[in-house]
């Protein structure tokens, strides 16, 4: 944390140094806050344990920015190969890919090429599925309450119950009813349903309509979900699943692939990365 603070202070450009000390102090407090909450640095070499801390929206005077890199990470944070997957919990093809990754691909790659690959999953909201936003909000709430371990458990639970959140099933249900269902799933994996619903309840409902300052503020997970939406838009992602390898889209990957097909596809890259790491 001290190193982060030192770098942050060192890189303040002259234009910012001329601003009031109050502005710079607020920025230092923001970074200090991240350190105290453990949001800066740290990784795990295990493929099944999160290697990144939970991102939080952070204002530095302009539009909100993520406190740490977005993405739900599995593997070595310093791996030479980074595979990003953009998934939607309401998409059947995302379910196929998620299941194959977690049950086959991640264990196979980590066993044969330990520490060579970092997998990162990104929340890809698809607005033509009305429940998509609500389900992703719930997944982020699960992560906020229980960290990456609970996020993975909750994501798995969502895919197992995916049909319950399909368009036709939810056609005559209210937003609040959907949140109740999502809270029930959280309770099944040991999360506090009441705390989860607090994060998902629309801001301002505790006040009379006339006293609310804003009527479209969203809930406590809205700001973070907006960052994920912005990330996917800036990356040019339209549908799920979409796969990126080292920053570039890999259009050859199919959600119908088996673990063996994943291994065959990436074998040359895995071998090259392993050799480069060994000789470095």
Protein backbone atom coordinates (compact mmCIF):
# COMPACT_ATOMS: atom_id res chain seq x y z
CA UNK A 1 0.00 0.00 0.00
CA UNK A 2 2.83 2.37 0.79
CA UNK A 3 4.27 1.73 -2.65
CA UNK A 4 0.95 2.48 -4.27
CA UNK A 5 0.64 5.75 -2.39
CA UNK A 6 4.18 6.73 -3.35
CA UNK A 7 3.55 6.06 -7.03
CA UNK A 8 0.24 7.91 -6.88
CA UNK A 9 1.91 10.98 -5.36
CA UNK A 10 4.90 10.83 -7.72
CA UNK A 11 2.74 10.78 -10.83
CA UNK A 12 0.61 13.80 -10.04
CA UNK A 13 1.05 16.04 -13.09
CA UNK A 14 1.95 19.74 -12.73
CA UNK A 15 -1.59 20.76 -13.67
CA UNK A 16 -2.92 18.89 -10.66
CA UNK A 17 -0.18 20.11 -8.30
CA UNK A 18 -1.39 23.63 -8.85
CA UNK A 19 -4.86 22.75 -7.60
CA UNK A 20 -5.93 23.27 -4.05
CA UNK A 21 -4.42 20.98 -1.43
CA UNK A 22 -7.96 19.89 -0.57
CA UNK A 23 -8.41 18.22 -3.97
CA UNK A 24 -5.14 16.31 -3.69
CA UNK A 25 -5.91 15.34 -0.11
CA UNK A 26 -9.25 13.87 -1.17
CA UNK A 27 -7.44 11.77 -3.76
CA UNK A 28 -4.91 10.55 -1.21
CA UNK A 29 -7.74 9.62 1.13
CA UNK A 30 -9.41 7.69 -1.67
CA UNK A 31 -6.29 5.58 -2.30
CA UNK A 32 -5.69 5.15 1.43
CA UNK A 33 -9.24 3.87 1.74
CA UNK A 34 -8.58 1.26 -0.92
CA UNK A 35 -5.52 0.04 0.97
CA UNK A 36 -7.37 -0.20 4.25
CA UNK A 37 -10.08 -2.32 2.64
CA UNK A 38 -7.56 -4.58 0.92
CA UNK A 39 -8.56 -3.62 -2.60
CA UNK A 40 -5.05 -3.03 -3.93
CA UNK A 41 -2.71 -5.85 -4.91
CA UNK A 42 -2.64 -9.53 -4.00
CA UNK A 43 -3.14 -12.68 -6.05
CA UNK A 44 -3.48 -16.41 -5.70
CA UNK A 45 -1.78 -19.03 -7.89
CA UNK A 46 -4.76 -21.37 -7.53
CA UNK A 47 -7.11 -21.55 -10.52
CA UNK A 48 -10.10 -22.08 -8.22
CA UNK A 49 -9.41 -19.15 -5.89
CA UNK A 50 -9.94 -15.56 -6.93
CA UNK A 51 -6.77 -13.73 -7.83
CA UNK A 52 -8.25 -10.22 -7.83
CA UNK A 53 -10.06 -8.17 -5.19
CA UNK A 54 -13.58 -6.92 -5.73
CA UNK A 55 -13.78 -3.75 -7.80
CA UNK A 56 -15.65 -0.74 -6.44
CA UNK A 57 -16.67 2.48 -8.24
CA UNK A 58 -14.33 5.32 -7.32
CA UNK A 59 -14.72 8.99 -8.22
CA UNK A 60 -11.54 10.95 -8.91
CA UNK A 61 -13.33 14.10 -10.02
CA UNK A 62 -14.64 12.77 -13.35
CA UNK A 63 -16.80 9.78 -14.30
CA UNK A 64 -16.48 6.84 -11.84
CA UNK A 65 -13.57 4.45 -12.37
CA UNK A 66 -13.04 0.93 -10.99
CA UNK A 67 -10.86 0.81 -7.89
CA UNK A 68 -9.05 -2.25 -9.30
CA UNK A 69 -9.24 -3.96 -12.68
CA UNK A 70 -12.68 -5.28 -13.50
CA UNK A 71 -13.25 -8.97 -13.99
CA UNK A 72 -13.72 -12.03 -11.82
CA UNK A 73 -10.33 -13.70 -11.96
CA UNK A 74 -9.11 -17.26 -11.67
CA UNK A 75 -5.42 -18.09 -11.77
CA UNK A 76 -2.06 -16.40 -11.62
CA UNK A 77 -2.38 -12.61 -11.91
CA UNK A 78 1.04 -12.49 -13.59
CA UNK A 79 0.29 -15.19 -16.16
CA UNK A 80 1.59 -14.58 -19.71
CA UNK A 81 -1.76 -15.65 -21.21
CA UNK A 82 -4.95 -13.83 -20.23
CA UNK A 83 -8.27 -15.24 -21.44
CA UNK A 84 -11.24 -12.92 -20.95
CA UNK A 85 -14.77 -14.24 -21.32
CA UNK A 86 -17.87 -12.05 -21.47
CA UNK A 87 -20.86 -14.00 -20.16
CA UNK A 88 -24.56 -13.37 -19.56
CA UNK A 89 -26.36 -15.44 -16.92
CA UNK A 90 -29.53 -15.53 -19.05
CA UNK A 91 -27.73 -16.86 -22.14
CA UNK A 92 -27.76 -20.67 -22.73
CA UNK A 93 -24.49 -20.47 -24.68
CA UNK A 94 -22.82 -18.63 -21.79
CA UNK A 95 -23.99 -21.44 -19.50
CA UNK A 96 -22.31 -24.02 -21.75
CA UNK A 97 -19.05 -22.10 -21.86
CA UNK A 98 -19.01 -21.34 -18.11
CA UNK A 99 -19.64 -24.98 -17.25
CA UNK A 100 -16.93 -26.24 -19.59
CA UNK A 101 -14.43 -23.69 -18.31
CA UNK A 102 -14.95 -24.45 -14.65
CA UNK A 103 -15.33 -28.21 -14.88
CA UNK A 104 -12.79 -29.00 -17.59
CA UNK A 105 -10.68 -26.23 -19.08
CA UNK A 106 -9.42 -24.46 -15.95
CA UNK A 107 -8.42 -27.67 -14.11
CA UNK A 108 -6.80 -29.15 -17.25
CA UNK A 109 -4.77 -26.04 -18.06
CA UNK A 110 -3.69 -25.49 -14.48
CA UNK A 111 -2.59 -29.12 -14.14
CA UNK A 112 -0.56 -29.21 -17.37
CA UNK A 113 0.57 -25.57 -17.48
CA UNK A 114 0.46 -24.25 -13.90
CA UNK A 115 0.51 -20.48 -13.60
CA UNK A 116 0.50 -19.89 -17.35
CA UNK A 117 -3.13 -18.76 -17.81
CA UNK A 118 -5.28 -16.18 -16.07
CA UNK A 119 -9.03 -16.43 -16.74
CA UNK A 120 -11.20 -13.36 -16.23
CA UNK A 121 -14.98 -13.34 -16.46
CA UNK A 122 -16.89 -10.15 -17.26
CA UNK A 123 -20.57 -9.41 -16.73
CA UNK A 124 -22.15 -8.98 -20.15
CA UNK A 125 -25.67 -7.55 -19.86
CA UNK A 126 -27.86 -8.29 -22.89
CA UNK A 127 -30.76 -5.82 -22.73
CA UNK A 128 -33.02 -7.84 -25.05
CA UNK A 129 -33.33 -10.24 -22.08
CA UNK A 130 -35.17 -8.04 -19.53
CA UNK A 131 -33.96 -10.01 -16.49
CA UNK A 132 -30.31 -9.79 -17.51
CA UNK A 133 -29.64 -6.56 -15.59
CA UNK A 134 -31.33 -7.85 -12.42
CA UNK A 135 -29.46 -11.15 -12.45
CA UNK A 136 -26.08 -9.47 -12.95
CA UNK A 137 -26.84 -7.03 -10.14
CA UNK A 138 -27.51 -10.00 -7.86
CA UNK A 139 -24.24 -11.70 -8.83
CA UNK A 140 -22.28 -8.54 -8.03
CA UNK A 141 -24.16 -8.27 -4.73
CA UNK A 142 -23.13 -11.85 -3.90
CA UNK A 143 -19.51 -10.92 -4.58
CA UNK A 144 -19.78 -7.80 -2.43
CA UNK A 145 -21.13 -9.83 0.47
CA UNK A 146 -18.96 -12.92 0.16
CA UNK A 147 -16.02 -12.18 -2.11
CA UNK A 148 -14.94 -14.09 -5.22
CA UNK A 149 -15.55 -17.50 -3.67
CA UNK A 150 -19.24 -16.70 -3.21
CA UNK A 151 -19.38 -15.06 -6.63
CA UNK A 152 -18.31 -18.31 -8.24
CA UNK A 153 -20.79 -20.29 -6.14
CA UNK A 154 -23.60 -17.87 -6.96
CA UNK A 155 -22.73 -17.80 -10.67
CA UNK A 156 -22.88 -21.59 -10.70
CA UNK A 157 -26.24 -21.51 -8.91
CA UNK A 158 -27.60 -18.97 -11.42
CA UNK A 159 -26.64 -21.13 -14.38
CA UNK A 160 -28.13 -24.20 -12.70
CA UNK A 161 -31.40 -22.27 -12.32
CA UNK A 162 -31.16 -20.36 -15.59
CA UNK A 163 -34.58 -21.41 -16.89
CA UNK A 164 -36.20 -19.63 -13.92
CA UNK A 165 -34.94 -16.31 -15.32
CA UNK A 166 -35.88 -16.77 -18.96
CA UNK A 167 -38.05 -14.17 -20.72
CA UNK A 168 -41.25 -16.22 -20.88
CA UNK A 169 -41.01 -17.45 -17.28
CA UNK A 170 -40.68 -13.93 -15.85
CA UNK A 171 -43.14 -12.25 -18.21
CA UNK A 172 -45.76 -11.53 -15.53
CA UNK A 173 -43.43 -11.08 -12.54
CA UNK A 174 -42.43 -7.76 -10.97
CA UNK A 175 -38.89 -6.57 -10.44
CA UNK A 176 -39.29 -7.06 -6.71
CA UNK A 177 -40.44 -10.65 -7.19
CA UNK A 178 -37.38 -11.39 -9.31
CA UNK A 179 -35.11 -9.93 -6.65
CA UNK A 180 -36.82 -12.18 -4.09
CA UNK A 181 -36.00 -15.21 -6.23
CA UNK A 182 -32.41 -14.06 -6.57
CA UNK A 183 -32.19 -13.54 -2.82
CA UNK A 184 -33.43 -17.08 -2.25
CA UNK A 185 -30.57 -18.40 -4.39
CA UNK A 186 -28.12 -16.36 -2.34
CA UNK A 187 -29.51 -17.86 0.83
CA UNK A 188 -28.98 -21.35 -0.59
CA UNK A 189 -25.21 -20.73 -0.73
CA UNK A 190 -25.03 -19.21 2.73
CA UNK A 191 -25.51 -15.52 2.03
CA UNK A 192 -27.80 -13.33 4.13
CA UNK A 193 -30.89 -12.81 1.98
CA UNK A 194 -31.87 -9.65 3.85
CA UNK A 195 -28.48 -8.05 3.28
CA UNK A 196 -28.55 -9.06 -0.35
CA UNK A 197 -31.98 -7.50 -0.88
CA UNK A 198 -30.75 -4.29 0.75
CA UNK A 199 -28.11 -4.03 -1.97
CA UNK A 200 -30.71 -4.67 -4.67
CA UNK A 201 -33.52 -2.43 -3.41
CA UNK A 202 -33.99 0.71 -5.49
CA UNK A 203 -32.62 3.78 -3.69
CA UNK A 204 -35.16 6.15 -2.14
CA UNK A 205 -38.09 3.79 -1.64
CA UNK A 206 -37.97 4.49 2.10
CA UNK A 207 -39.16 8.05 1.39
CA UNK A 208 -42.50 9.34 0.09
CA UNK A 209 -42.52 9.96 -3.64
CA UNK A 210 -42.60 13.74 -3.22
CA UNK A 211 -39.48 13.73 -1.01
CA UNK A 212 -37.22 11.71 -3.27
CA UNK A 213 -34.43 13.74 -4.84
CA UNK A 214 -34.04 11.31 -7.74
CA UNK A 215 -36.40 8.78 -9.27
CA UNK A 216 -33.98 6.80 -11.42
CA UNK A 217 -31.02 6.25 -9.11
CA UNK A 218 -30.93 2.46 -9.33
CA UNK A 219 -29.66 0.41 -6.38
CA UNK A 220 -26.34 -0.07 -4.62
CA UNK A 221 -24.99 -2.30 -7.38
CA UNK A 222 -25.96 -0.03 -10.29
CA UNK A 223 -22.74 2.01 -10.37
CA UNK A 224 -20.54 -1.10 -10.51
CA UNK A 225 -22.67 -2.76 -13.17
CA UNK A 226 -22.41 0.41 -15.26
CA UNK A 227 -18.62 0.00 -15.22
CA UNK A 228 -18.95 -3.54 -16.57
CA UNK A 229 -21.32 -2.33 -19.29
CA UNK A 230 -18.87 0.43 -20.20
CA UNK A 231 -16.00 -2.07 -20.27
CA UNK A 232 -17.81 -4.34 -22.72
CA UNK A 233 -18.87 -1.44 -24.94
CA UNK A 234 -15.36 -0.04 -25.07
CA UNK A 235 -14.11 -3.53 -25.96
CA UNK A 236 -16.63 -3.81 -28.79
CA UNK A 237 -18.48 -6.75 -27.23
CA UNK A 238 -22.04 -7.18 -28.47
CA UNK A 239 -23.20 -10.67 -27.53
CA UNK A 240 -22.28 -13.45 -25.14
CA UNK A 241 -20.23 -15.44 -24.92
CA UNK A 242 -17.33 -13.48 -26.38
CA UNK A 243 -13.73 -14.52 -25.76
CA UNK A 244 -10.60 -12.35 -25.81
CA UNK A 245 -7.04 -13.69 -25.66
CA UNK A 246 -4.34 -11.27 -24.54
CA UNK A 247 -6.55 -8.32 -25.41
CA UNK A 248 -7.79 -9.43 -28.83
CA UNK A 249 -11.02 -11.20 -29.69
CA UNK A 250 -10.71 -14.89 -30.57
CA UNK A 251 -13.66 -15.54 -32.86
CA UNK A 252 -12.74 -19.18 -33.32
CA UNK A 253 -13.73 -20.23 -29.80
CA UNK A 254 -17.11 -21.97 -29.58
CA UNK A 255 -19.38 -22.40 -26.57
CA UNK A 256 -19.95 -25.97 -27.75
CA UNK A 257 -16.29 -26.95 -27.40
CA UNK A 258 -15.17 -29.66 -25.01
CA UNK A 259 -12.24 -29.21 -22.68
CA UNK A 260 -10.09 -31.22 -25.06
CA UNK A 261 -10.95 -28.88 -27.94
CA UNK A 262 -9.95 -25.89 -25.81
CA UNK A 263 -6.63 -27.55 -25.05
CA UNK A 264 -6.01 -28.38 -28.70
CA UNK A 265 -6.83 -24.84 -29.81
CA UNK A 266 -4.52 -23.18 -27.26
CA UNK A 267 -1.76 -25.80 -27.24
CA UNK A 268 0.74 -23.83 -29.38
CA UNK A 269 0.24 -20.70 -27.28
CA UNK A 270 0.45 -22.61 -24.00
CA UNK A 271 3.69 -24.33 -25.05
CA UNK A 272 5.25 -21.10 -26.26
CA UNK A 273 4.31 -19.26 -23.08
CA UNK A 274 5.64 -22.09 -20.92
CA UNK A 275 8.96 -22.06 -22.77
CA UNK A 276 9.25 -18.28 -22.57
CA UNK A 277 8.51 -18.38 -18.83
CA UNK A 278 11.05 -21.14 -18.24
CA UNK A 279 13.85 -19.28 -20.05
CA UNK A 280 13.07 -15.84 -18.63
